[in-house]
C-alpha atoms as a PDB file:
ATOM      1  CA  MET A   1      -4.377  22.684   4.927  1.00  0.00           C
ATOM      2  CA  ASN A   2      -5.146  19.229   5.810  1.00  0.00           C
ATOM      3  CA  ALA A   3      -2.847  17.541   8.225  1.00  0.00           C
ATOM      4  CA  ILE A   4      -2.415  13.739   8.213  1.00  0.00           C
ATOM      5  CA  PRO A   5      -2.842  12.600  11.619  1.00  0.00           C
ATOM      6  CA  SER A   6      -0.846   9.830  13.390  1.00  0.00           C
ATOM      7  CA  ARG A   7       2.529   8.414  12.537  1.00  0.00           C
ATOM      8  CA  PHE A   8       3.633   8.646   8.913  1.00  0.00           C
ATOM      9  CA  ALA A   9       6.225   5.972   7.720  1.00  0.00           C
ATOM     10  CA  ALA A  10       9.190   7.367   5.924  1.00  0.00           C
ATOM     11  CA  VAL A  11      10.234   5.230   2.870  1.00  0.00           C
ATOM     12  CA  HIS A  12      13.305   5.761   0.950  1.00  0.00           C
ATOM     13  CA  GLY A  13      13.303   4.642  -2.722  1.00  0.00           C
ATOM     14  CA  PRO A  14      10.546   2.623  -4.513  1.00  0.00           C
ATOM     15  CA  LEU A  15       8.354   0.504  -2.189  1.00  0.00           C
ATOM     16  CA  THR A  16       8.319  -3.335  -2.856  1.00  0.00           C
ATOM     17  CA  GLU A  17       5.522  -5.776  -2.244  1.00  0.00           C
ATOM     18  CA  ILE A  18       7.687  -7.264   0.408  1.00  0.00           C
ATOM     19  CA  ASP A  19       8.256  -3.847   1.985  1.00  0.00           C
ATOM     20  CA  LEU A  20       4.376  -3.292   2.148  1.00  0.00           C
ATOM     21  CA  CYS A  21       3.779  -6.722   3.669  1.00  0.00           C
ATOM     22  CA  GLY A  22       6.300  -6.033   6.297  1.00  0.00           C
ATOM     23  CA  TRP A  23       4.756  -2.726   7.113  1.00  0.00           C
ATOM     24  CA  VAL A  24       1.188  -4.152   7.321  1.00  0.00           C
ATOM     25  CA  GLY A  25       2.449  -6.852   9.657  1.00  0.00           C
ATOM     26  CA  GLN A  26       4.258  -4.317  12.066  1.00  0.00           C
ATOM     27  CA  ALA A  27       2.029  -1.235  11.762  1.00  0.00           C
ATOM     28  CA  ALA A  28      -0.017  -0.022  14.742  1.00  0.00           C
ATOM     29  CA  PRO A  29      -3.528   1.103  14.267  1.00  0.00           C
ATOM     30  CA  GLY A  30      -3.443   4.676  12.649  1.00  0.00           C
ATOM     31  CA  ASP A  31      -0.034   4.307  11.106  1.00  0.00           C
ATOM     32  CA  ILE A  32       0.174   5.776   7.535  1.00  0.00           C
ATOM     33  CA  LEU A  33       2.253   4.590   4.667  1.00  0.00           C
ATOM     34  CA  GLU A  34       2.425   6.370   1.321  1.00  0.00           C
ATOM     35  CA  TYR A  35       2.911   3.431  -1.059  1.00  0.00           C
ATOM     36  CA  HIS A  36       2.873   5.459  -4.250  1.00  0.00           C
ATOM     37  CA  ARG A  37       3.020   9.175  -5.361  1.00  0.00           C
ATOM     38  CA  GLY A  38       1.759   9.904  -8.804  1.00  0.00           C
ATOM     39  CA  PHE A  39      -1.268   8.588 -10.847  1.00  0.00           C
ATOM     40  CA  LEU A  40      -1.548   4.843 -10.017  1.00  0.00           C
ATOM     41  CA  ALA A  41      -3.970   4.126 -12.934  1.00  0.00           C
ATOM     42  CA  LEU A  42      -1.517   5.390 -15.539  1.00  0.00           C
ATOM     43  CA  ASP A  43       1.699   4.447 -13.720  1.00  0.00           C
ATOM     44  CA  THR A  44       0.685   0.698 -13.732  1.00  0.00           C
ATOM     45  CA  MET A  45      -0.192   0.566 -17.521  1.00  0.00           C
ATOM     46  CA  PRO A  46       2.604  -0.560 -19.834  1.00  0.00           C
ATOM     47  CA  HIS A  47       2.146   2.464 -22.262  1.00  0.00           C
ATOM     48  CA  GLY A  48       1.079   5.065 -19.939  1.00  0.00           C
ATOM     49  CA  THR A  49       3.862   5.238 -17.462  1.00  0.00           C
ATOM     50  CA  ARG A  50       7.099   7.039 -16.928  1.00  0.00           C
ATOM     51  CA  LEU A  51       8.465   4.175 -15.032  1.00  0.00           C
ATOM     52  CA  ALA A  52      10.812   1.394 -16.435  1.00  0.00           C
ATOM     53  CA  GLU A  53       9.120  -2.049 -17.008  1.00  0.00           C
ATOM     54  CA  ARG A  54      10.680  -3.510 -13.834  1.00  0.00           C
ATOM     55  CA  GLU A  55       9.411  -0.630 -11.649  1.00  0.00           C
ATOM     56  CA  ARG A  56       6.035  -0.688 -13.244  1.00  0.00           C
ATOM     57  CA  ALA A  57       5.534  -4.341 -12.605  1.00  0.00           C
ATOM     58  CA  GLU A  58       6.665  -4.018  -9.066  1.00  0.00           C
ATOM     59  CA  LEU A  59       4.236  -0.950  -8.563  1.00  0.00           C
ATOM     60  CA  ALA A  60       1.400  -3.173  -9.898  1.00  0.00           C
ATOM     61  CA  ARG A  61       2.351  -5.900  -7.404  1.00  0.00           C
ATOM     62  CA  VAL A  62       2.214  -3.288  -4.596  1.00  0.00           C
ATOM     63  CA  ALA A  63      -1.014  -1.963  -5.641  1.00  0.00           C
ATOM     64  CA  ARG A  64      -2.683  -5.393  -5.779  1.00  0.00           C
ATOM     65  CA  ARG A  65      -1.240  -6.316  -2.422  1.00  0.00           C
ATOM     66  CA  ALA A  66      -2.604  -3.138  -0.906  1.00  0.00           C
ATOM     67  CA  TRP A  67      -6.026  -3.949  -2.239  1.00  0.00           C
ATOM     68  CA  TRP A  68      -5.802  -7.538  -0.941  1.00  0.00           C
ATOM     69  CA  ALA A  69      -4.795  -6.166   2.645  1.00  0.00           C
ATOM     70  CA  ALA A  70      -7.763  -3.772   2.343  1.00  0.00           C
ATOM     71  CA  GLU A  71      -9.981  -6.564   1.496  1.00  0.00           C
ATOM     72  CA  TYR A  72      -8.859  -8.540   4.505  1.00  0.00           C
ATOM     73  CA  GLY A  73      -9.564  -5.423   6.781  1.00  0.00           C
ATOM     74  CA  LEU A  74      -5.831  -4.912   7.609  1.00  0.00           C
ATOM     75  CA  ILE A  75      -5.746  -1.385   6.123  1.00  0.00           C
ATOM     76  CA  HIS A  76      -7.797   1.485   4.753  1.00  0.00           C
ATOM     77  CA  LEU A  77      -6.823   2.783   1.249  1.00  0.00           C
ATOM     78  CA  VAL A  78      -7.042   6.539   0.823  1.00  0.00           C
ATOM     79  CA  GLN A  79      -5.926   8.883  -1.953  1.00  0.00           C
ATOM     80  CA  ARG A  80      -4.804  12.417  -1.379  1.00  0.00           C
ATOM     81  CA  ARG A  81      -4.933  14.838  -4.368  1.00  0.00           C
ATOM     82  CA  HIS A  82      -2.001  17.197  -4.604  1.00  0.00           C
ATOM     83  CA  ARG A  83      -2.684  18.612  -8.189  1.00  0.00           C
ATOM     84  CA  THR A  84      -3.794  17.104 -11.615  1.00  0.00           C
ATOM     85  CA  ASN A  85      -2.434  13.586 -11.986  1.00  0.00           C
ATOM     86  CA  ASP A  86      -0.496  13.801  -8.790  1.00  0.00           C
ATOM     87  CA  TYR A  87      -1.908  11.812  -5.874  1.00  0.00           C
ATOM     88  CA  SER A  88      -0.530  10.238  -2.709  1.00  0.00           C
ATOM     89  CA  TYR A  89      -1.768   6.666  -2.204  1.00  0.00           C
ATOM     90  CA  LEU A  90      -2.054   5.995   1.369  1.00  0.00           C
ATOM     91  CA  ALA A  91      -2.355   2.775   3.464  1.00  0.00           C
ATOM     92  CA  ILE A  92      -3.669   3.448   6.992  1.00  0.00           C
ATOM     93  CA  ALA A  93      -3.277   0.644   9.420  1.00  0.00           C
ATOM     94  CA  ARG A  94      -6.542  -0.737  11.061  1.00  0.00           C
ATOM     95  CA  PRO A  95      -6.722  -2.532  14.393  1.00  0.00           C
ATOM     96  CA  LYS A  96      -5.738  -6.198  13.776  1.00  0.00           C
ATOM     97  CA  PRO A  97      -8.801  -8.419  13.389  1.00  0.00           C
ATOM     98  CA  ARG A  98      -9.737 -10.133  16.730  1.00  0.00           C
ATOM     99  CA  ARG A  99     -11.991 -12.767  15.139  1.00  0.00           C
ATOM    100  CA  THR A 100      -8.980 -14.932  14.493  1.00  0.00           C
ATOM    101  CA  ALA A 101      -5.403 -15.472  15.558  1.00  0.00           C
ATOM    102  CA  VAL A 102      -4.253 -15.904  11.905  1.00  0.00           C
ATOM    103  CA  SER A 103      -0.977 -13.965  11.086  1.00  0.00           C
ATOM    104  CA  LEU A 104      -0.283 -12.088   8.008  1.00  0.00           C
ATOM    105  CA  SER A 105       2.251 -14.717   6.917  1.00  0.00           C
ATOM    106  CA  SER A 106      -0.508 -17.414   7.271  1.00  0.00           C
ATOM    107  CA  LEU A 107      -2.859 -15.431   4.989  1.00  0.00           C
ATOM    108  CA  LEU A 108      -0.049 -14.858   2.481  1.00  0.00           C
ATOM    109  CA  LEU A 109       0.757 -18.658   2.418  1.00  0.00           C
ATOM    110  CA  ALA A 110      -2.873 -19.636   2.157  1.00  0.00           C
ATOM    111  CA  GLU A 111      -3.086 -17.314  -0.915  1.00  0.00           C
ATOM    112  CA  VAL A 112      -0.175 -19.003  -2.592  1.00  0.00           C
ATOM    113  CA  ALA A 113      -1.586 -22.514  -1.983  1.00  0.00           C
END
């Protein structure tokens, strides 16, 4: 059995992109967030999911934002397989970059502009 180390965030209900951004901004290095449980590649496809369209679209936004945060070095993305087509998609907080004093909100605003 593989134990997940550190602090594991408890989320009740579907996670939104705003929830993910809030967690990334406040998470301490090593904190873990399960941002999806299922099969992300299928669950974000319009015809391959069990989710309603609104939930599927929000999950796609969460997945893109998680990828974005990983690209900026804010989190590690990890999958944990439970059984066939059943995975936990985990975000693990990294130490905040020291090279700049830019906040998460500044990065998000720059992306919109």
